[in-house]
Amino acid sequence: MRGTSQLSLENLTLSTRAAMSMRYARGRETHRFATGNATIPLWRRWRSRRDRDMTRYTLLIDTTRCMGCNCCTVACTDQFVENDWPPYSVAQPDTGQLWMSVVEKESGKFPAVKVRYIAQPCMLCDKPPCVTAAKNGAAYKRPDGIVLFDLEKSKGQKQIVDACPYGKAFWNEQLQIPQKCNLCAHRLDQGLQPACVNACPTQAITIGDATTLASTIADKKAKVLSPELGTDPKVYYVGLP
């Protein structure tokens, strides 16, 4: 695994690294995809193409479970730094970009101060400003809700990065292309869960179909970040400060 400008493995505690190693080392690890059924062992992970075609991806992130360990960030970095996943993405630079980041938020006053850790991937906007800003179809939204950047068409289009109101799109100066979290589309298309979901030791991140997760989102009063932006994001949070 590799470090970034804001995070390196050397800064993580031994217990955090051990937790990550244990999750990745399990021979029959479960695939926590919210389908209304029990967790699915990876050896039975392949969903039918019909199921994948009908899915509208949504993330539910429980900040009351997140302990700020940054396992999601490290897993994302390990997945994409120095790794090309054509046609989905080219390698993320080893510095300057965090496609999945964890932001610390404090609320209350001393001595009753509360801290919440908020994991922030791509917000899966239903009305993505980056797509609107792109020319010639350089950014597009798939039917399942994942927004991707075309690796050729997006060259030189820095306005795509500037259009993201959440600051979750990044400019690769060397390649002259925009980059961002794509929800590990290369894994999802194989029936696997995103690296961040797979790595979370407290199961704070759940991925599922919008219809399936709707009742859970309502019951837990989950909210989106900055609804006033009007992008209609599909990343919901439980316990936002």
C-alpha atoms as a PDB file:
ATOM      1  CA  MET A   1       0.000   0.000   0.000  1.00  0.00           C
ATOM      2  CA  ARG A   2       1.115   3.543  -0.578  1.00  0.00           C
ATOM      3  CA  GLY A   3       0.840   6.815   1.282  1.00  0.00           C
ATOM      4  CA  THR A   4      -0.649  10.096   0.170  1.00  0.00           C
ATOM      5  CA  SER A   5       0.103  13.711   0.966  1.00  0.00           C
ATOM      6  CA  GLN A   6      -2.466  13.614   3.777  1.00  0.00           C
ATOM      7  CA  LEU A   7      -2.216  10.051   4.948  1.00  0.00           C
ATOM      8  CA  SER A   8       0.334   7.270   5.178  1.00  0.00           C
ATOM      9  CA  LEU A   9       0.298   3.819   6.660  1.00  0.00           C
ATOM     10  CA  GLU A  10       3.018   4.828   9.093  1.00  0.00           C
ATOM     11  CA  ASN A  11       0.522   7.202  10.721  1.00  0.00           C
ATOM     12  CA  LEU A  12      -2.042   4.480  11.306  1.00  0.00           C
ATOM     13  CA  THR A  13      -2.169   2.554  14.540  1.00  0.00           C
ATOM     14  CA  LEU A  14      -1.161  -1.078  14.637  1.00  0.00           C
ATOM     15  CA  SER A  15      -4.727  -2.087  15.485  1.00  0.00           C
ATOM     16  CA  THR A  16      -6.065  -0.244  12.434  1.00  0.00           C
ATOM     17  CA  ARG A  17      -3.639  -1.953  10.093  1.00  0.00           C
ATOM     18  CA  ALA A  18      -4.404  -5.298  11.708  1.00  0.00           C
ATOM     19  CA  ALA A  19      -8.138  -4.757  11.247  1.00  0.00           C
ATOM     20  CA  MET A  20      -7.632  -4.066   7.549  1.00  0.00           C
ATOM     21  CA  SER A  21      -5.390  -7.074   7.086  1.00  0.00           C
ATOM     22  CA  MET A  22      -7.889  -9.366   8.779  1.00  0.00           C
ATOM     23  CA  ARG A  23     -10.759  -8.196   6.585  1.00  0.00           C
ATOM     24  CA  TYR A  24      -8.796  -8.684   3.373  1.00  0.00           C
ATOM     25  CA  ALA A  25      -7.369 -12.031   4.463  1.00  0.00           C
ATOM     26  CA  ARG A  26     -10.663 -13.800   5.085  1.00  0.00           C
ATOM     27  CA  GLY A  27     -11.009 -16.625   2.620  1.00  0.00           C
ATOM     28  CA  ARG A  28     -14.818 -16.512   2.584  1.00  0.00           C
ATOM     29  CA  GLU A  29     -15.383 -12.831   3.155  1.00  0.00           C
ATOM     30  CA  THR A  30     -18.967 -11.613   2.900  1.00  0.00           C
ATOM     31  CA  HIS A  31     -20.280  -9.209   0.322  1.00  0.00           C
ATOM     32  CA  ARG A  32     -22.386  -6.649   2.238  1.00  0.00           C
ATOM     33  CA  PHE A  33     -24.698  -5.589  -0.538  1.00  0.00           C
ATOM     34  CA  ALA A  34     -28.117  -4.530   0.730  1.00  0.00           C
ATOM     35  CA  THR A  35     -30.433  -6.735  -1.271  1.00  0.00           C
ATOM     36  CA  GLY A  36     -32.969  -7.527   1.425  1.00  0.00           C
ATOM     37  CA  ASN A  37     -31.281 -10.901   1.932  1.00  0.00           C
ATOM     38  CA  ALA A  38     -28.566 -12.147   4.271  1.00  0.00           C
ATOM     39  CA  THR A  39     -24.935 -11.315   3.544  1.00  0.00           C
ATOM     40  CA  ILE A  40     -23.588 -13.195   0.548  1.00  0.00           C
ATOM     41  CA  PRO A  41     -20.265 -15.097   0.659  1.00  0.00           C
ATOM     42  CA  LEU A  42     -17.890 -13.954  -2.067  1.00  0.00           C
ATOM     43  CA  TRP A  43     -17.909 -17.406  -3.618  1.00  0.00           C
ATOM     44  CA  ARG A  44     -21.574 -16.716  -4.440  1.00  0.00           C
ATOM     45  CA  ARG A  45     -21.014 -13.058  -5.257  1.00  0.00           C
ATOM     46  CA  TRP A  46     -22.036 -13.008  -8.899  1.00  0.00           C
ATOM     47  CA  ARG A  47     -25.330 -11.245  -9.332  1.00  0.00           C
ATOM     48  CA  SER A  48     -27.203 -11.782 -12.562  1.00  0.00           C
ATOM     49  CA  ARG A  49     -26.778  -9.188 -15.287  1.00  0.00           C
ATOM     50  CA  ARG A  50     -30.507  -8.478 -14.964  1.00  0.00           C
ATOM     51  CA  ASP A  51     -30.066  -7.602 -11.282  1.00  0.00           C
ATOM     52  CA  ARG A  52     -27.125  -5.313 -12.043  1.00  0.00           C
ATOM     53  CA  ASP A  53     -29.030  -3.589 -14.849  1.00  0.00           C
ATOM     54  CA  MET A  54     -31.929  -2.829 -12.484  1.00  0.00           C
ATOM     55  CA  THR A  55     -29.764  -1.430  -9.676  1.00  0.00           C
ATOM     56  CA  ARG A  56     -29.619   2.256  -8.753  1.00  0.00           C
ATOM     57  CA  TYR A  57     -26.679   2.495  -6.362  1.00  0.00           C
ATOM     58  CA  THR A  58     -27.002   4.322  -3.057  1.00  0.00           C
ATOM     59  CA  LEU A  59     -24.593   4.607  -0.125  1.00  0.00           C
ATOM     60  CA  LEU A  60     -25.670   4.767   3.510  1.00  0.00           C
ATOM     61  CA  ILE A  61     -22.886   5.916   5.852  1.00  0.00           C
ATOM     62  CA  ASP A  62     -23.439   5.683   9.611  1.00  0.00           C
ATOM     63  CA  THR A  63     -21.294   8.312  11.322  1.00  0.00           C
ATOM     64  CA  THR A  64     -22.197   6.852  14.728  1.00  0.00           C
ATOM     65  CA  ARG A  65     -20.272   3.714  13.743  1.00  0.00           C
ATOM     66  CA  CYS A  66     -17.294   5.426  12.108  1.00  0.00           C
ATOM     67  CA  MET A  67     -14.257   5.618  14.405  1.00  0.00           C
ATOM     68  CA  GLY A  68     -12.052   7.639  12.083  1.00  0.00           C
ATOM     69  CA  CYS A  69      -9.627   4.800  11.381  1.00  0.00           C
ATOM     70  CA  ASN A  70      -9.234   5.786   7.689  1.00  0.00           C
ATOM     71  CA  CYS A  71      -9.394   2.160   6.548  1.00  0.00           C
ATOM     72  CA  CYS A  72     -11.722   3.267   3.760  1.00  0.00           C
ATOM     73  CA  THR A  73      -9.224   5.891   2.597  1.00  0.00           C
ATOM     74  CA  VAL A  74      -6.302   3.472   2.667  1.00  0.00           C
ATOM     75  CA  ALA A  75      -8.287   0.784   0.829  1.00  0.00           C
ATOM     76  CA  CYS A  76      -9.329   3.262  -1.854  1.00  0.00           C
ATOM     77  CA  THR A  77      -5.761   4.497  -2.273  1.00  0.00           C
ATOM     78  CA  ASP A  78      -4.437   0.958  -2.471  1.00  0.00           C
ATOM     79  CA  GLN A  79      -7.043   0.124  -5.106  1.00  0.00           C
ATOM     80  CA  PHE A  80      -6.249   3.026  -7.435  1.00  0.00           C
ATOM     81  CA  VAL A  81      -2.711   4.354  -6.879  1.00  0.00           C
ATOM     82  CA  GLU A  82      -0.469   2.902  -9.610  1.00  0.00           C
ATOM     83  CA  ASN A  83      -3.377   0.774 -10.859  1.00  0.00           C
ATOM     84  CA  ASP A  84      -5.161   1.337 -14.169  1.00  0.00           C
ATOM     85  CA  TRP A  85      -8.690  -0.041 -14.478  1.00  0.00           C
ATOM     86  CA  PRO A  86      -9.597   0.635 -18.117  1.00  0.00           C
ATOM     87  CA  PRO A  87     -12.019   1.772 -19.319  1.00  0.00           C
ATOM     88  CA  TYR A  88     -13.115   2.991 -15.861  1.00  0.00           C
ATOM     89  CA  SER A  89     -10.038   4.867 -14.654  1.00  0.00           C
ATOM     90  CA  VAL A  90      -6.298   5.360 -14.917  1.00  0.00           C
ATOM     91  CA  ALA A  91      -3.934   5.304 -11.950  1.00  0.00           C
ATOM     92  CA  GLN A  92      -4.493   7.843  -9.194  1.00  0.00           C
ATOM     93  CA  PRO A  93      -1.368   9.902  -8.359  1.00  0.00           C
ATOM     94  CA  ASP A  94       0.313   8.840  -5.128  1.00  0.00           C
ATOM     95  CA  THR A  95       0.007  12.382  -3.752  1.00  0.00           C
ATOM     96  CA  GLY A  96      -2.542  15.157  -3.936  1.00  0.00           C
ATOM     97  CA  GLN A  97      -5.748  13.166  -4.298  1.00  0.00           C
ATOM     98  CA  LEU A  98      -8.002  11.386  -1.833  1.00  0.00           C
ATOM     99  CA  TRP A  99     -11.012   9.967  -3.648  1.00  0.00           C
ATOM    100  CA  MET A 100     -12.365   8.756  -0.303  1.00  0.00           C
ATOM    101  CA  SER A 101     -11.583  11.041   2.621  1.00  0.00           C
ATOM    102  CA  VAL A 102     -12.672  11.193   6.267  1.00  0.00           C
ATOM    103  CA  VAL A 103     -13.526  14.607   7.690  1.00  0.00           C
ATOM    104  CA  GLU A 104     -13.631  15.223  11.447  1.00  0.00           C
ATOM    105  CA  LYS A 105     -16.521  17.346  12.712  1.00  0.00           C
ATOM    106  CA  GLU A 106     -16.887  18.641  16.281  1.00  0.00           C
ATOM    107  CA  SER A 107     -20.099  19.782  17.921  1.00  0.00           C
ATOM    108  CA  GLY A 108     -21.034  20.992  21.382  1.00  0.00           C
ATOM    109  CA  LYS A 109     -18.930  22.846  23.922  1.00  0.00           C
ATOM    110  CA  PHE A 110     -16.373  21.733  26.459  1.00  0.00           C
ATOM    111  CA  PRO A 111     -16.690  19.514  28.402  1.00  0.00           C
ATOM    112  CA  ALA A 112     -19.534  17.983  26.339  1.00  0.00           C
ATOM    113  CA  VAL A 113     -17.804  17.899  22.967  1.00  0.00           C
ATOM    114  CA  LYS A 114     -18.874  15.334  20.404  1.00  0.00           C
ATOM    115  CA  VAL A 115     -16.792  14.224  17.439  1.00  0.00           C
ATOM    116  CA  ARG A 116     -18.161  12.658  14.278  1.00  0.00           C
ATOM    117  CA  TYR A 117     -16.086  11.267  11.424  1.00  0.00           C
ATOM    118  CA  ILE A 118     -17.673  11.732   8.021  1.00  0.00           C
ATOM    119  CA  ALA A 119     -16.451   9.550   5.153  1.00  0.00           C
ATOM    120  CA  GLN A 120     -16.782  11.396   1.856  1.00  0.00           C
ATOM    121  CA  PRO A 121     -16.638   9.575  -1.483  1.00  0.00           C
ATOM    122  CA  CYS A 122     -18.197  10.813  -4.718  1.00  0.00           C
ATOM    123  CA  MET A 123     -21.704  11.937  -3.757  1.00  0.00           C
ATOM    124  CA  LEU A 124     -23.424  10.036  -6.601  1.00  0.00           C
ATOM    125  CA  CYS A 125     -25.357  13.124  -7.638  1.00  0.00           C
ATOM    126  CA  ASP A 126     -28.547  12.483  -9.548  1.00  0.00           C
ATOM    127  CA  LYS A 127     -28.017  15.919 -11.093  1.00  0.00           C
ATOM    128  CA  PRO A 128     -24.205  15.952 -11.357  1.00  0.00           C
ATOM    129  CA  PRO A 129     -22.739  19.402 -12.109  1.00  0.00           C
ATOM    130  CA  CYS A 130     -19.602  17.748 -13.491  1.00  0.00           C
ATOM    131  CA  VAL A 131     -21.657  16.121 -16.253  1.00  0.00           C
ATOM    132  CA  THR A 132     -23.285  19.441 -17.088  1.00  0.00           C
ATOM    133  CA  ALA A 133     -19.900  21.169 -17.263  1.00  0.00           C
ATOM    134  CA  ALA A 134     -18.314  18.519 -19.476  1.00  0.00           C
ATOM    135  CA  LYS A 135     -18.138  18.866 -23.238  1.00  0.00           C
ATOM    136  CA  ASN A 136     -18.663  16.130 -25.829  1.00  0.00           C
ATOM    137  CA  GLY A 137     -19.906  13.609 -23.289  1.00  0.00           C
ATOM    138  CA  ALA A 138     -16.609  13.609 -21.398  1.00  0.00           C
ATOM    139  CA  ALA A 139     -18.510  12.963 -18.145  1.00  0.00           C
ATOM    140  CA  TYR A 140     -21.623  10.825 -18.034  1.00  0.00           C
ATOM    141  CA  LYS A 141     -23.944   9.095 -15.594  1.00  0.00           C
ATOM    142  CA  ARG A 142     -24.631   5.402 -16.028  1.00  0.00           C
ATOM    143  CA  PRO A 143     -28.166   4.034 -15.552  1.00  0.00           C
ATOM    144  CA  ASP A 144     -27.057   2.686 -12.146  1.00  0.00           C
ATOM    145  CA  GLY A 145     -26.159   6.230 -11.013  1.00  0.00           C
ATOM    146  CA  ILE A 146     -22.358   6.005 -11.178  1.00  0.00           C
ATOM    147  CA  VAL A 147     -20.723   9.036 -12.804  1.00  0.00           C
ATOM    148  CA  LEU A 148     -17.664   8.285 -14.928  1.00  0.00           C
ATOM    149  CA  PHE A 149     -15.159  10.409 -16.833  1.00  0.00           C
ATOM    150  CA  ASP A 150     -14.247   9.305 -20.357  1.00  0.00           C
ATOM    151  CA  LEU A 151     -10.480   8.807 -20.302  1.00  0.00           C
ATOM    152  CA  GLU A 152      -9.963  10.318 -23.758  1.00  0.00           C
ATOM    153  CA  LYS A 153     -12.738  12.883 -24.114  1.00  0.00           C
ATOM    154  CA  SER A 154     -12.050  14.456 -20.709  1.00  0.00           C
ATOM    155  CA  LYS A 155      -8.461  15.450 -21.517  1.00  0.00           C
ATOM    156  CA  GLY A 156      -7.916  19.167 -20.973  1.00  0.00           C
ATOM    157  CA  GLN A 157     -11.368  19.726 -19.456  1.00  0.00           C
ATOM    158  CA  LYS A 158     -10.420  21.149 -16.084  1.00  0.00           C
ATOM    159  CA  GLN A 159     -13.844  22.785 -15.775  1.00  0.00           C
ATOM    160  CA  ILE A 160     -15.172  19.334 -14.853  1.00  0.00           C
ATOM    161  CA  VAL A 161     -13.156  19.488 -11.624  1.00  0.00           C
ATOM    162  CA  ASP A 162     -14.176  23.060 -10.890  1.00  0.00           C
ATOM    163  CA  ALA A 163     -17.859  22.145 -11.271  1.00  0.00           C
ATOM    164  CA  CYS A 164     -17.959  19.725  -8.324  1.00  0.00           C
ATOM    165  CA  PRO A 165     -19.399  21.648  -5.351  1.00  0.00           C
ATOM    166  CA  TYR A 166     -18.203  18.969  -2.907  1.00  0.00           C
ATOM    167  CA  GLY A 167     -14.545  19.180  -3.931  1.00  0.00           C
ATOM    168  CA  LYS A 168     -14.530  15.470  -4.805  1.00  0.00           C
ATOM    169  CA  ALA A 169     -13.129  15.778  -8.333  1.00  0.00           C
ATOM    170  CA  PHE A 170      -9.387  16.182  -8.834  1.00  0.00           C
ATOM    171  CA  TRP A 171      -7.099  17.323 -11.628  1.00  0.00           C
ATOM    172  CA  ASN A 172      -4.253  15.088 -12.771  1.00  0.00           C
ATOM    173  CA  GLU A 173      -1.689  17.632 -13.933  1.00  0.00           C
ATOM    174  CA  GLN A 174       0.540  15.081 -15.579  1.00  0.00           C
ATOM    175  CA  LEU A 175      -2.183  13.408 -17.636  1.00  0.00           C
ATOM    176  CA  GLN A 176      -4.340  16.551 -17.960  1.00  0.00           C
ATOM    177  CA  ILE A 177      -7.511  14.715 -17.002  1.00  0.00           C
ATOM    178  CA  PRO A 178     -10.097  14.926 -14.202  1.00  0.00           C
ATOM    179  CA  GLN A 179     -10.323  12.028 -11.743  1.00  0.00           C
ATOM    180  CA  LYS A 180     -12.567  10.991  -8.870  1.00  0.00           C
ATOM    181  CA  CYS A 181     -14.126   8.138  -6.944  1.00  0.00           C
ATOM    182  CA  ASN A 182     -16.183   5.971  -9.285  1.00  0.00           C
ATOM    183  CA  LEU A 183     -17.592   3.708  -6.554  1.00  0.00           C
ATOM    184  CA  CYS A 184     -15.145   1.010  -7.687  1.00  0.00           C
ATOM    185  CA  ALA A 185     -17.274   0.433 -10.783  1.00  0.00           C
ATOM    186  CA  HIS A 186     -14.781  -2.163 -12.003  1.00  0.00           C
ATOM    187  CA  ARG A 187     -15.519  -4.217  -8.873  1.00  0.00           C
ATOM    188  CA  LEU A 188     -19.275  -3.650  -8.833  1.00  0.00           C
ATOM    189  CA  ASP A 189     -19.552  -4.832 -12.432  1.00  0.00           C
ATOM    190  CA  GLN A 190     -18.025  -8.113 -11.265  1.00  0.00           C
ATOM    191  CA  GLY A 191     -20.453  -8.430  -8.349  1.00  0.00           C
ATOM    192  CA  LEU A 192     -17.912  -7.240  -5.768  1.00  0.00           C
ATOM    193  CA  GLN A 193     -18.368  -4.440  -3.260  1.00  0.00           C
ATOM    194  CA  PRO A 194     -16.307  -1.228  -3.369  1.00  0.00           C
ATOM    195  CA  ALA A 195     -12.960  -1.314  -1.582  1.00  0.00           C
ATOM    196  CA  CYS A 196     -14.094   1.185   1.063  1.00  0.00           C
ATOM    197  CA  VAL A 197     -17.148  -0.882   1.987  1.00  0.00           C
ATOM    198  CA  ASN A 198     -15.060  -4.036   2.095  1.00  0.00           C
ATOM    199  CA  ALA A 199     -12.407  -2.492   4.364  1.00  0.00           C
ATOM    200  CA  CYS A 200     -14.605  -0.813   7.000  1.00  0.00           C
ATOM    201  CA  PRO A 201     -14.099  -2.730  10.285  1.00  0.00           C
ATOM    202  CA  THR A 202     -17.271  -1.310  11.865  1.00  0.00           C
ATOM    203  CA  GLN A 203     -19.529  -1.789   8.826  1.00  0.00           C
ATOM    204  CA  ALA A 204     -20.286   1.921   8.778  1.00  0.00           C
ATOM    205  CA  ILE A 205     -20.693   1.989   4.980  1.00  0.00           C
ATOM    206  CA  THR A 206     -23.507   0.121   3.264  1.00  0.00           C
ATOM    207  CA  ILE A 207     -24.067  -0.020  -0.467  1.00  0.00           C
ATOM    208  CA  GLY A 208     -27.386  -1.037  -1.930  1.00  0.00           C
ATOM    209  CA  ASP A 209     -30.137  -0.335  -4.368  1.00  0.00           C
ATOM    210  CA  ALA A 210     -32.038   2.918  -3.797  1.00  0.00           C
ATOM    211  CA  THR A 211     -35.371   1.137  -3.487  1.00  0.00           C
ATOM    212  CA  THR A 212     -34.061  -1.456  -1.037  1.00  0.00           C
ATOM    213  CA  LEU A 213     -32.375   1.107   1.211  1.00  0.00           C
ATOM    214  CA  ALA A 214     -35.239   3.625   1.125  1.00  0.00           C
ATOM    215  CA  SER A 215     -36.984   2.326   4.260  1.00  0.00           C
ATOM    216  CA  THR A 216     -33.719   2.164   6.229  1.00  0.00           C
ATOM    217  CA  ILE A 217     -32.846   5.711   5.176  1.00  0.00           C
ATOM    218  CA  ALA A 218     -36.271   6.894   6.320  1.00  0.00           C
ATOM    219  CA  ASP A 219     -36.221   4.954   9.605  1.00  0.00           C
ATOM    220  CA  LYS A 220     -32.780   6.265  10.554  1.00  0.00           C
ATOM    221  CA  LYS A 221     -33.588   9.798   9.391  1.00  0.00           C
ATOM    222  CA  ALA A 222     -30.505   9.769   7.197  1.00  0.00           C
ATOM    223  CA  LYS A 223     -29.586  13.004   5.449  1.00  0.00           C
ATOM    224  CA  VAL A 224     -27.423  14.114   2.543  1.00  0.00           C
ATOM    225  CA  LEU A 225     -24.612  16.666   2.700  1.00  0.00           C
ATOM    226  CA  SER A 226     -25.467  20.198   1.568  1.00  0.00           C
ATOM    227  CA  PRO A 227     -28.946  19.563   0.128  1.00  0.00           C
ATOM    228  CA  GLU A 228     -29.155  23.249  -0.734  1.00  0.00           C
ATOM    229  CA  LEU A 229     -26.752  22.619  -3.643  1.00  0.00           C
ATOM    230  CA  GLY A 230     -29.577  20.941  -5.528  1.00  0.00           C
ATOM    231  CA  THR A 231     -27.491  18.055  -6.880  1.00  0.00           C
ATOM    232  CA  ASP A 232     -29.729  15.358  -5.362  1.00  0.00           C
ATOM    233  CA  PRO A 233     -26.867  13.193  -4.028  1.00  0.00           C
ATOM    234  CA  LYS A 234     -27.397   9.492  -3.303  1.00  0.00           C
ATOM    235  CA  VAL A 235     -24.957   9.262  -0.397  1.00  0.00           C
ATOM    236  CA  TYR A 236     -26.932   9.391   2.859  1.00  0.00           C
ATOM    237  CA  TYR A 237     -25.598   9.881   6.379  1.00  0.00           C
ATOM    238  CA  VAL A 238     -26.843   8.720   9.752  1.00  0.00           C
ATOM    239  CA  GLY A 239     -25.968  10.949  12.718  1.00  0.00           C
ATOM    240  CA  LEU A 240     -24.667  14.052  10.969  1.00  0.00           C
ATOM    241  CA  PRO A 241     -23.653  16.687  13.543  1.00  0.00           C
END
